All heavy atoms as atom14 arrays in JSON, in Angstrom:
{
  "sequence": "LFGVTVAWLAWAAFKHGTRRRADYDHGSGRAQVLKASILSVVIFAVV",
  "atom14_mask": [
    [1, 1, 1, 1, 1, 1, 1, 1, 0, 0, 0, 0, 0, 0],
    [1, 1, 1, 1, 1, 1, 1, 1, 1, 1, 1, 0, 0, 0],
    [1, 1, 1, 1, 0, 0, 0, 0, 0, 0, 0, 0, 0, 0],
    [1, 1, 1, 1, 1, 1, 1, 0, 0, 0, 0, 0, 0, 0],
    [1, 1, 1, 1, 1, 1, 1, 0, 0, 0, 0, 0, 0, 0],
    [1, 1, 1, 1, 1, 1, 1, 0, 0, 0, 0, 0, 0, 0],
    [1, 1, 1, 1, 1, 0, 0, 0, 0, 0, 0, 0, 0, 0],
    [1, 1, 1, 1, 1, 1, 1, 1, 1, 1, 1, 1, 1, 1],
    [1, 1, 1, 1, 1, 1, 1, 1, 0, 0, 0, 0, 0, 0],
    [1, 1, 1, 1, 1, 0, 0, 0, 0, 0, 0, 0, 0, 0],
    [1, 1, 1, 1, 1, 1, 1, 1, 1, 1, 1, 1, 1, 1],
    [1, 1, 1, 1, 1, 0, 0, 0, 0, 0, 0, 0, 0, 0],
    [1, 1, 1, 1, 1, 0, 0, 0, 0, 0, 0, 0, 0, 0],
    [1, 1, 1, 1, 1, 1, 1, 1, 1, 1, 1, 0, 0, 0],
    [1, 1, 1, 1, 1, 1, 1, 1, 1, 0, 0, 0, 0, 0],
    [1, 1, 1, 1, 1, 1, 1, 1, 1, 1, 0, 0, 0, 0],
    [1, 1, 1, 1, 0, 0, 0, 0, 0, 0, 0, 0, 0, 0],
    [1, 1, 1, 1, 1, 1, 1, 0, 0, 0, 0, 0, 0, 0],
    [1, 1, 1, 1, 1, 1, 1, 1, 1, 1, 1, 0, 0, 0],
    [1, 1, 1, 1, 1, 1, 1, 1, 1, 1, 1, 0, 0, 0],
    [1, 1, 1, 1, 1, 1, 1, 1, 1, 1, 1, 0, 0, 0],
    [1, 1, 1, 1, 1, 0, 0, 0, 0, 0, 0, 0, 0, 0],
    [1, 1, 1, 1, 1, 1, 1, 1, 0, 0, 0, 0, 0, 0],
    [1, 1, 1, 1, 1, 1, 1, 1, 1, 1, 1, 1, 0, 0],
    [1, 1, 1, 1, 1, 1, 1, 1, 0, 0, 0, 0, 0, 0],
    [1, 1, 1, 1, 1, 1, 1, 1, 1, 1, 0, 0, 0, 0],
    [1, 1, 1, 1, 0, 0, 0, 0, 0, 0, 0, 0, 0, 0],
    [1, 1, 1, 1, 1, 1, 0, 0, 0, 0, 0, 0, 0, 0],
    [1, 1, 1, 1, 0, 0, 0, 0, 0, 0, 0, 0, 0, 0],
    [1, 1, 1, 1, 1, 1, 1, 1, 1, 1, 1, 0, 0, 0],
    [1, 1, 1, 1, 1, 0, 0, 0, 0, 0, 0, 0, 0, 0],
    [1, 1, 1, 1, 1, 1, 1, 1, 1, 0, 0, 0, 0, 0],
    [1, 1, 1, 1, 1, 1, 1, 0, 0, 0, 0, 0, 0, 0],
    [1, 1, 1, 1, 1, 1, 1, 1, 0, 0, 0, 0, 0, 0],
    [1, 1, 1, 1, 1, 1, 1, 1, 1, 0, 0, 0, 0, 0],
    [1, 1, 1, 1, 1, 0, 0, 0, 0, 0, 0, 0, 0, 0],
    [1, 1, 1, 1, 1, 1, 0, 0, 0, 0, 0, 0, 0, 0],
    [1, 1, 1, 1, 1, 1, 1, 1, 0, 0, 0, 0, 0, 0],
    [1, 1, 1, 1, 1, 1, 1, 1, 0, 0, 0, 0, 0, 0],
    [1, 1, 1, 1, 1, 1, 0, 0, 0, 0, 0, 0, 0, 0],
    [1, 1, 1, 1, 1, 1, 1, 0, 0, 0, 0, 0, 0, 0],
    [1, 1, 1, 1, 1, 1, 1, 0, 0, 0, 0, 0, 0, 0],
    [1, 1, 1, 1, 1, 1, 1, 1, 0, 0, 0, 0, 0, 0],
    [1, 1, 1, 1, 1, 1, 1, 1, 1, 1, 1, 0, 0, 0],
    [1, 1, 1, 1, 1, 0, 0, 0, 0, 0, 0, 0, 0, 0],
    [1, 1, 1, 1, 1, 1, 1, 0, 0, 0, 0, 0, 0, 0],
    [1, 1, 1, 1, 1, 1, 1, 0, 0, 0, 0, 0, 0, 0]
  ],
  "atom14_positions": [
    [[4.26, 24.78, 17.78], [4.08, 25.49, 16.52], [4.4, 24.59, 15.32], [3.72, 24.65, 14.28], [4.95, 26.74, 16.49], [4.56, 27.84, 17.48], [5.57, 28.98, 17.45], [3.17, 28.37, 17.18], [0.0, 0.0, 0.0], [0.0, 0.0, 0.0], [0.0, 0.0, 0.0], [0.0, 0.0, 0.0], [0.0, 0.0, 0.0], [0.0, 0.0, 0.0]],
    [[5.42, 23.76, 15.47], [5.77, 22.84, 14.39], [4.63, 21.85, 14.15], [4.25, 21.58, 13.01], [7.05, 22.09, 14.75], [7.43, 21.02, 13.75], [8.03, 21.36, 12.55], [7.19, 19.68, 14.03], [8.38, 20.38, 11.63], [7.53, 18.7, 13.11], [8.12, 19.05, 11.91], [0.0, 0.0, 0.0], [0.0, 0.0, 0.0], [0.0, 0.0, 0.0]],
    [[4.07, 21.31, 15.23], [2.96, 20.36, 15.09], [1.75, 20.98, 14.44], [1.11, 20.37, 13.57], [0.0, 0.0, 0.0], [0.0, 0.0, 0.0], [0.0, 0.0, 0.0], [0.0, 0.0, 0.0], [0.0, 0.0, 0.0], [0.0, 0.0, 0.0], [0.0, 0.0, 0.0], [0.0, 0.0, 0.0], [0.0, 0.0, 0.0], [0.0, 0.0, 0.0]],
    [[1.41, 22.21, 14.86], [0.26, 22.91, 14.27], [0.5, 23.16, 12.78], [-0.4, 22.97, 11.94], [0.01, 24.24, 15.01], [-1.02, 25.09, 14.26], [-0.46, 23.97, 16.43], [0.0, 0.0, 0.0], [0.0, 0.0, 0.0], [0.0, 0.0, 0.0], [0.0, 0.0, 0.0], [0.0, 0.0, 0.0], [0.0, 0.0, 0.0], [0.0, 0.0, 0.0]],
    [[1.71, 23.59, 12.43], [2.03, 23.87, 11.03], [1.93, 22.62, 10.17], [1.36, 22.64, 9.06], [3.43, 24.48, 10.91], [3.51, 25.67, 11.7], [3.77, 24.81, 9.47], [0.0, 0.0, 0.0], [0.0, 0.0, 0.0], [0.0, 0.0, 0.0], [0.0, 0.0, 0.0], [0.0, 0.0, 0.0], [0.0, 0.0, 0.0], [0.0, 0.0, 0.0]],
    [[2.5, 21.52, 10.66], [2.46, 20.26, 9.9], [1.01, 19.79, 9.74], [0.6, 19.35, 8.65], [3.31, 19.18, 10.6], [3.07, 17.82, 9.96], [4.79, 19.55, 10.53], [0.0, 0.0, 0.0], [0.0, 0.0, 0.0], [0.0, 0.0, 0.0], [0.0, 0.0, 0.0], [0.0, 0.0, 0.0], [0.0, 0.0, 0.0], [0.0, 0.0, 0.0]],
    [[0.23, 19.88, 10.81], [-1.17, 19.46, 10.74], [-1.94, 20.33, 9.74], [-2.79, 19.82, 8.98], [-1.81, 19.55, 12.13], [0.0, 0.0, 0.0], [0.0, 0.0, 0.0], [0.0, 0.0, 0.0], [0.0, 0.0, 0.0], [0.0, 0.0, 0.0], [0.0, 0.0, 0.0], [0.0, 0.0, 0.0], [0.0, 0.0, 0.0], [0.0, 0.0, 0.0]],
    [[-1.67, 21.62, 9.75], [-2.35, 22.55, 8.84], [-2.01, 22.2, 7.39], [-2.87, 22.15, 6.5], [-1.91, 23.96, 9.17], [-2.81, 25.04, 8.61], [-3.69, 24.92, 7.58], [-2.9, 26.39, 9.07], [-4.33, 26.11, 7.36], [-3.86, 27.04, 8.26], [-2.28, 27.11, 10.06], [-4.2, 28.37, 8.42], [-2.61, 28.44, 10.23], [-3.56, 29.06, 9.43]],
    [[-0.72, 21.95, 7.12], [-0.3, 21.6, 5.76], [-0.9, 20.27, 5.33], [-1.32, 20.1, 4.16], [1.23, 21.54, 5.69], [1.97, 22.87, 5.82], [3.47, 22.64, 5.89], [1.65, 23.78, 4.63], [0.0, 0.0, 0.0], [0.0, 0.0, 0.0], [0.0, 0.0, 0.0], [0.0, 0.0, 0.0], [0.0, 0.0, 0.0], [0.0, 0.0, 0.0]],
    [[-0.96, 19.29, 6.27], [-1.54, 17.99, 5.93], [-3.03, 18.13, 5.61], [-3.54, 17.51, 4.66], [-1.33, 17.02, 7.1], [0.0, 0.0, 0.0], [0.0, 0.0, 0.0], [0.0, 0.0, 0.0], [0.0, 0.0, 0.0], [0.0, 0.0, 0.0], [0.0, 0.0, 0.0], [0.0, 0.0, 0.0], [0.0, 0.0, 0.0], [0.0, 0.0, 0.0]],
    [[-3.72, 18.94, 6.4], [-5.15, 19.17, 6.16], [-5.37, 19.82, 4.8], [-6.26, 19.44, 4.03], [-5.73, 20.03, 7.27], [-7.15, 20.48, 7.0], [-8.29, 19.78, 7.21], [-7.54, 21.74, 6.44], [-9.39, 20.51, 6.83], [-8.96, 21.72, 6.35], [-6.85, 22.87, 6.02], [-9.68, 22.8, 5.85], [-7.57, 23.95, 5.52], [-8.96, 23.9, 5.44]],
    [[-4.53, 20.83, 4.48], [-4.67, 21.52, 3.2], [-4.38, 20.58, 2.04], [-5.08, 20.61, 1.01], [-3.71, 22.72, 3.16], [0.0, 0.0, 0.0], [0.0, 0.0, 0.0], [0.0, 0.0, 0.0], [0.0, 0.0, 0.0], [0.0, 0.0, 0.0], [0.0, 0.0, 0.0], [0.0, 0.0, 0.0], [0.0, 0.0, 0.0], [0.0, 0.0, 0.0]],
    [[-3.36, 19.73, 2.19], [-3.03, 18.79, 1.11], [-4.15, 17.77, 0.91], [-4.47, 17.39, -0.21], [-1.72, 18.07, 1.43], [0.0, 0.0, 0.0], [0.0, 0.0, 0.0], [0.0, 0.0, 0.0], [0.0, 0.0, 0.0], [0.0, 0.0, 0.0], [0.0, 0.0, 0.0], [0.0, 0.0, 0.0], [0.0, 0.0, 0.0], [0.0, 0.0, 0.0]],
    [[-4.79, 17.34, 2.0], [-5.88, 16.37, 1.91], [-7.13, 17.0, 1.29], [-7.8, 16.4, 0.45], [-6.2, 15.81, 3.29], [-7.35, 14.86, 3.3], [-7.18, 13.54, 2.88], [-8.62, 15.27, 3.73], [-8.26, 12.65, 2.88], [-9.7, 14.38, 3.73], [-9.51, 13.07, 3.3], [0.0, 0.0, 0.0], [0.0, 0.0, 0.0], [0.0, 0.0, 0.0]],
    [[-7.44, 18.21, 1.74], [-8.66, 18.88, 1.27], [-8.54, 19.32, -0.17], [-9.49, 19.25, -0.96], [-8.98, 20.07, 2.16], [-10.26, 20.79, 1.76], [-10.58, 21.95, 2.7], [-11.87, 22.63, 2.28], [-12.21, 23.77, 3.17], [0.0, 0.0, 0.0], [0.0, 0.0, 0.0], [0.0, 0.0, 0.0], [0.0, 0.0, 0.0], [0.0, 0.0, 0.0]],
    [[-7.36, 19.81, -0.53], [-7.16, 20.33, -1.89], [-6.24, 19.37, -2.65], [-5.13, 19.74, -3.06], [-6.56, 21.73, -1.84], [-7.35, 22.69, -1.01], [-8.57, 23.2, -1.43], [-7.11, 23.23, 0.22], [-9.05, 24.02, -0.49], [-8.19, 24.04, 0.52], [0.0, 0.0, 0.0], [0.0, 0.0, 0.0], [0.0, 0.0, 0.0], [0.0, 0.0, 0.0]],
    [[-6.66, 18.13, -2.79], [-5.87, 17.12, -3.47], [-5.71, 17.41, -4.95], [-6.29, 18.35, -5.51], [0.0, 0.0, 0.0], [0.0, 0.0, 0.0], [0.0, 0.0, 0.0], [0.0, 0.0, 0.0], [0.0, 0.0, 0.0], [0.0, 0.0, 0.0], [0.0, 0.0, 0.0], [0.0, 0.0, 0.0], [0.0, 0.0, 0.0], [0.0, 0.0, 0.0]],
    [[-4.96, 16.55, -5.6], [-4.67, 16.77, -7.02], [-5.91, 16.58, -7.9], [-5.96, 17.1, -9.01], [-3.58, 15.78, -7.47], [-3.99, 14.44, -7.17], [-2.26, 16.06, -6.76], [0.0, 0.0, 0.0], [0.0, 0.0, 0.0], [0.0, 0.0, 0.0], [0.0, 0.0, 0.0], [0.0, 0.0, 0.0], [0.0, 0.0, 0.0], [0.0, 0.0, 0.0]],
    [[-6.93, 15.86, -7.4], [-8.12, 15.64, -8.21], [-9.1, 16.79, -8.14], [-10.08, 16.84, -8.88], [-8.83, 14.35, -7.76], [-7.99, 13.1, -7.97], [-8.75, 11.86, -7.53], [-7.95, 10.66, -7.73], [-8.36, 9.42, -7.44], [-9.59, 9.25, -6.94], [-7.59, 8.39, -7.65], [0.0, 0.0, 0.0], [0.0, 0.0, 0.0], [0.0, 0.0, 0.0]],
    [[-8.87, 17.7, -7.23], [-9.78, 18.85, -7.09], [-9.33, 19.96, -8.03], [-8.15, 20.3, -8.08], [-9.79, 19.35, -5.64], [-10.7, 20.54, -5.41], [-10.56, 21.05, -3.98], [-11.34, 22.24, -3.76], [-12.6, 22.24, -3.33], [-13.2, 21.09, -3.08], [-13.26, 23.38, -3.16], [0.0, 0.0, 0.0], [0.0, 0.0, 0.0], [0.0, 0.0, 0.0]],
    [[-10.3, 20.52, -8.71], [-9.98, 21.61, -9.64], [-9.66, 22.87, -8.85], [-10.37, 23.23, -7.91], [-11.16, 21.85, -10.58], [-10.9, 22.95, -11.59], [-12.08, 23.09, -12.52], [-11.85, 24.14, -13.51], [-12.71, 24.5, -14.44], [-13.89, 23.85, -14.53], [-12.42, 25.47, -15.3], [0.0, 0.0, 0.0], [0.0, 0.0, 0.0], [0.0, 0.0, 0.0]],
    [[-8.61, 23.52, -9.25], [-8.19, 24.73, -8.55], [-9.16, 25.87, -8.81], [-9.61, 26.07, -9.95], [-6.79, 25.13, -9.0], [0.0, 0.0, 0.0], [0.0, 0.0, 0.0], [0.0, 0.0, 0.0], [0.0, 0.0, 0.0], [0.0, 0.0, 0.0], [0.0, 0.0, 0.0], [0.0, 0.0, 0.0], [0.0, 0.0, 0.0], [0.0, 0.0, 0.0]],
    [[-9.49, 26.59, -7.77], [-10.35, 27.77, -7.85], [-9.52, 29.0, -7.59], [-8.82, 29.08, -6.57], [-11.5, 27.68, -6.84], [-12.44, 26.51, -7.13], [-12.63, 26.2, -8.31], [-12.94, 25.92, -6.15], [0.0, 0.0, 0.0], [0.0, 0.0, 0.0], [0.0, 0.0, 0.0], [0.0, 0.0, 0.0], [0.0, 0.0, 0.0], [0.0, 0.0, 0.0]],
    [[-9.61, 29.94, -8.5], [-8.86, 31.19, -8.33], [-9.65, 32.12, -7.43], [-10.83, 32.37, -7.67], [-8.59, 31.84, -9.69], [-7.7, 33.06, -9.57], [-6.32, 32.91, -9.44], [-8.25, 34.34, -9.58], [-5.5, 34.02, -9.33], [-7.44, 35.45, -9.48], [-6.06, 35.29, -9.34], [-5.27, 36.39, -9.23], [0.0, 0.0, 0.0], [0.0, 0.0, 0.0]],
    [[-9.0, 32.6, -6.38], [-9.68, 33.46, -5.41], [-8.86, 34.73, -5.24], [-7.69, 34.68, -4.83], [-9.81, 32.72, -4.07], [-10.6, 33.53, -3.05], [-11.08, 34.62, -3.41], [-10.7, 33.07, -1.9], [0.0, 0.0, 0.0], [0.0, 0.0, 0.0], [0.0, 0.0, 0.0], [0.0, 0.0, 0.0], [0.0, 0.0, 0.0], [0.0, 0.0, 0.0]],
    [[-9.5, 35.86, -5.58], [-8.8, 37.13, -5.41], [-8.51, 37.41, -3.93], [-7.53, 38.07, -3.6], [-9.64, 38.28, -6.02], [-9.71, 38.24, -7.5], [-8.7, 38.73, -8.31], [-10.65, 37.73, -8.33], [-9.02, 38.54, -9.58], [-10.21, 37.94, -9.63], [0.0, 0.0, 0.0], [0.0, 0.0, 0.0], [0.0, 0.0, 0.0], [0.0, 0.0, 0.0]],
    [[-9.38, 36.91, -3.05], [-9.18, 37.12, -1.62], [-9.33, 38.57, -1.23], [-9.7, 39.44, -2.03], [0.0, 0.0, 0.0], [0.0, 0.0, 0.0], [0.0, 0.0, 0.0], [0.0, 0.0, 0.0], [0.0, 0.0, 0.0], [0.0, 0.0, 0.0], [0.0, 0.0, 0.0], [0.0, 0.0, 0.0], [0.0, 0.0, 0.0], [0.0, 0.0, 0.0]],
    [[-9.03, 38.83, 0.02], [-9.09, 40.2, 0.55], [-7.77, 40.5, 1.23], [-7.47, 39.96, 2.3], [-10.25, 40.34, 1.55], [-10.2, 41.59, 2.19], [0.0, 0.0, 0.0], [0.0, 0.0, 0.0], [0.0, 0.0, 0.0], [0.0, 0.0, 0.0], [0.0, 0.0, 0.0], [0.0, 0.0, 0.0], [0.0, 0.0, 0.0], [0.0, 0.0, 0.0]],
    [[-6.97, 41.33, 0.58], [-5.64, 41.63, 1.12], [-5.71, 42.22, 2.51], [-4.95, 41.82, 3.41], [0.0, 0.0, 0.0], [0.0, 0.0, 0.0], [0.0, 0.0, 0.0], [0.0, 0.0, 0.0], [0.0, 0.0, 0.0], [0.0, 0.0, 0.0], [0.0, 0.0, 0.0], [0.0, 0.0, 0.0], [0.0, 0.0, 0.0], [0.0, 0.0, 0.0]],
    [[-6.63, 43.13, 2.73], [-6.74, 43.78, 4.04], [-7.12, 42.78, 5.13], [-6.52, 42.78, 6.2], [-7.75, 44.91, 3.97], [-7.92, 45.65, 5.29], [-8.89, 46.82, 5.13], [-8.39, 47.78, 4.16], [-9.05, 48.89, 3.8], [-10.26, 49.13, 4.31], [-8.53, 49.74, 2.93], [0.0, 0.0, 0.0], [0.0, 0.0, 0.0], [0.0, 0.0, 0.0]],
    [[-8.08, 41.91, 4.83], [-8.51, 40.93, 5.83], [-7.41, 39.93, 6.14], [-7.19, 39.54, 7.3], [-9.76, 40.2, 5.34], [0.0, 0.0, 0.0], [0.0, 0.0, 0.0], [0.0, 0.0, 0.0], [0.0, 0.0, 0.0], [0.0, 0.0, 0.0], [0.0, 0.0, 0.0], [0.0, 0.0, 0.0], [0.0, 0.0, 0.0], [0.0, 0.0, 0.0]],
    [[-6.68, 39.5, 5.09], [-5.61, 38.53, 5.31], [-4.46, 39.14, 6.13], [-3.88, 38.48, 7.0], [-5.1, 38.02, 3.96], [-6.12, 37.17, 3.23], [-5.7, 36.87, 1.8], [-4.69, 37.37, 1.32], [-6.51, 36.05, 1.11], [0.0, 0.0, 0.0], [0.0, 0.0, 0.0], [0.0, 0.0, 0.0], [0.0, 0.0, 0.0], [0.0, 0.0, 0.0]],
    [[-4.14, 40.39, 5.84], [-3.09, 41.06, 6.6], [-3.5, 41.21, 8.06], [-2.7, 41.02, 8.99], [-2.76, 42.44, 5.99], [-1.87, 43.25, 6.93], [-2.08, 42.26, 4.64], [0.0, 0.0, 0.0], [0.0, 0.0, 0.0], [0.0, 0.0, 0.0], [0.0, 0.0, 0.0], [0.0, 0.0, 0.0], [0.0, 0.0, 0.0], [0.0, 0.0, 0.0]],
    [[-4.78, 41.54, 8.28], [-5.28, 41.7, 9.64], [-5.22, 40.38, 10.42], [-4.77, 40.34, 11.57], [-6.72, 42.22, 9.61], [-7.39, 42.47, 10.97], [-6.6, 43.51, 11.76], [-8.85, 42.9, 10.79], [0.0, 0.0, 0.0], [0.0, 0.0, 0.0], [0.0, 0.0, 0.0], [0.0, 0.0, 0.0], [0.0, 0.0, 0.0], [0.0, 0.0, 0.0]],
    [[-5.65, 39.28, 9.76], [-5.61, 37.98, 10.41], [-4.18, 37.57, 10.74], [-3.88, 37.08, 11.84], [-6.25, 36.91, 9.52], [-7.75, 37.07, 9.34], [-8.3, 36.01, 8.39], [-9.8, 36.18, 8.17], [-10.33, 35.18, 7.22], [0.0, 0.0, 0.0], [0.0, 0.0, 0.0], [0.0, 0.0, 0.0], [0.0, 0.0, 0.0], [0.0, 0.0, 0.0]],
    [[-3.28, 37.77, 9.76], [-1.88, 37.4, 9.98], [-1.27, 38.25, 11.1], [-0.48, 37.74, 11.92], [-1.08, 37.58, 8.69], [0.0, 0.0, 0.0], [0.0, 0.0, 0.0], [0.0, 0.0, 0.0], [0.0, 0.0, 0.0], [0.0, 0.0, 0.0], [0.0, 0.0, 0.0], [0.0, 0.0, 0.0], [0.0, 0.0, 0.0], [0.0, 0.0, 0.0]],
    [[-1.63, 39.53, 11.16], [-1.09, 40.42, 12.19], [-1.56, 40.0, 13.58], [-0.78, 39.97, 14.54], [-1.5, 41.86, 11.91], [-0.98, 42.31, 10.68], [0.0, 0.0, 0.0], [0.0, 0.0, 0.0], [0.0, 0.0, 0.0], [0.0, 0.0, 0.0], [0.0, 0.0, 0.0], [0.0, 0.0, 0.0], [0.0, 0.0, 0.0], [0.0, 0.0, 0.0]],
    [[-2.86, 39.69, 13.7], [-3.4, 39.26, 15.0], [-2.75, 37.96, 15.45], [-2.35, 37.82, 16.62], [-4.94, 39.1, 14.91], [-5.6, 40.46, 14.67], [-5.47, 38.45, 16.18], [-7.1, 40.37, 14.45], [0.0, 0.0, 0.0], [0.0, 0.0, 0.0], [0.0, 0.0, 0.0], [0.0, 0.0, 0.0], [0.0, 0.0, 0.0], [0.0, 0.0, 0.0]],
    [[-2.61, 37.0, 14.52], [-1.97, 35.73, 14.86], [-0.52, 35.93, 15.29], [-0.05, 35.33, 16.27], [-2.04, 34.78, 13.66], [-1.45, 33.38, 13.86], [-2.19, 32.65, 14.99], [-1.52, 32.57, 12.57], [0.0, 0.0, 0.0], [0.0, 0.0, 0.0], [0.0, 0.0, 0.0], [0.0, 0.0, 0.0], [0.0, 0.0, 0.0], [0.0, 0.0, 0.0]],
    [[0.18, 36.8, 14.58], [1.59, 37.07, 14.93], [1.71, 37.71, 16.29], [2.59, 37.35, 17.09], [2.22, 37.97, 13.87], [2.2, 37.36, 12.6], [0.0, 0.0, 0.0], [0.0, 0.0, 0.0], [0.0, 0.0, 0.0], [0.0, 0.0, 0.0], [0.0, 0.0, 0.0], [0.0, 0.0, 0.0], [0.0, 0.0, 0.0], [0.0, 0.0, 0.0]],
    [[0.82, 38.68, 16.59], [0.87, 39.35, 17.89], [0.6, 38.35, 19.01], [1.29, 38.37, 20.05], [-0.17, 40.5, 17.92], [-0.33, 41.02, 19.35], [0.26, 41.63, 17.0], [0.0, 0.0, 0.0], [0.0, 0.0, 0.0], [0.0, 0.0, 0.0], [0.0, 0.0, 0.0], [0.0, 0.0, 0.0], [0.0, 0.0, 0.0], [0.0, 0.0, 0.0]],
    [[-0.37, 37.47, 18.8], [-0.68, 36.46, 19.83], [0.51, 35.55, 20.07], [0.9, 35.28, 21.22], [-1.93, 35.65, 19.43], [-2.1, 34.47, 20.38], [-3.16, 36.52, 19.43], [0.0, 0.0, 0.0], [0.0, 0.0, 0.0], [0.0, 0.0, 0.0], [0.0, 0.0, 0.0], [0.0, 0.0, 0.0], [0.0, 0.0, 0.0], [0.0, 0.0, 0.0]],
    [[1.11, 35.06, 18.98], [2.25, 34.15, 19.12], [3.43, 34.83, 19.81], [4.02, 34.3, 20.75], [2.67, 33.6, 17.74], [1.57, 32.69, 17.19], [3.99, 32.85, 17.83], [1.84, 32.2, 15.78], [0.0, 0.0, 0.0], [0.0, 0.0, 0.0], [0.0, 0.0, 0.0], [0.0, 0.0, 0.0], [0.0, 0.0, 0.0], [0.0, 0.0, 0.0]],
    [[3.77, 36.04, 19.35], [4.92, 36.73, 19.92], [4.66, 37.16, 21.37], [5.57, 37.14, 22.2], [5.28, 37.95, 19.07], [6.03, 37.61, 17.81], [5.43, 37.72, 16.58], [7.34, 37.15, 17.88], [6.12, 37.39, 15.42], [8.04, 36.82, 16.72], [7.43, 36.94, 15.48], [0.0, 0.0, 0.0], [0.0, 0.0, 0.0], [0.0, 0.0, 0.0]],
    [[3.41, 37.53, 21.66], [3.1, 37.95, 23.02], [3.2, 36.77, 23.99], [3.74, 36.89, 25.1], [1.69, 38.56, 23.07], [0.0, 0.0, 0.0], [0.0, 0.0, 0.0], [0.0, 0.0, 0.0], [0.0, 0.0, 0.0], [0.0, 0.0, 0.0], [0.0, 0.0, 0.0], [0.0, 0.0, 0.0], [0.0, 0.0, 0.0], [0.0, 0.0, 0.0]],
    [[2.71, 35.61, 23.57], [2.71, 34.44, 24.44], [4.11, 33.84, 24.54], [4.62, 33.58, 25.63], [1.71, 33.39, 23.94], [1.83, 32.11, 24.77], [0.3, 33.94, 24.02], [0.0, 0.0, 0.0], [0.0, 0.0, 0.0], [0.0, 0.0, 0.0], [0.0, 0.0, 0.0], [0.0, 0.0, 0.0], [0.0, 0.0, 0.0], [0.0, 0.0, 0.0]],
    [[4.74, 33.6, 23.4], [6.03, 32.91, 23.38], [7.16, 33.86, 23.75], [7.84, 33.7, 24.77], [6.28, 32.27, 22.01], [7.63, 31.55, 22.0], [5.17, 31.29, 21.66], [0.0, 0.0, 0.0], [0.0, 0.0, 0.0], [0.0, 0.0, 0.0], [0.0, 0.0, 0.0], [0.0, 0.0, 0.0], [0.0, 0.0, 0.0], [0.0, 0.0, 0.0]]
  ]
}
């Protein structure tokens, strides 16, 4: 989990570098909560 998290953060830092203009995204609260819930259930169920 530590390796995946570090890799994810490194990818995000590389893709969204300081030279890239920030884009404001309202996102979808319901979809994000659903994704986070599914990921949490998978992690807790397995580990």
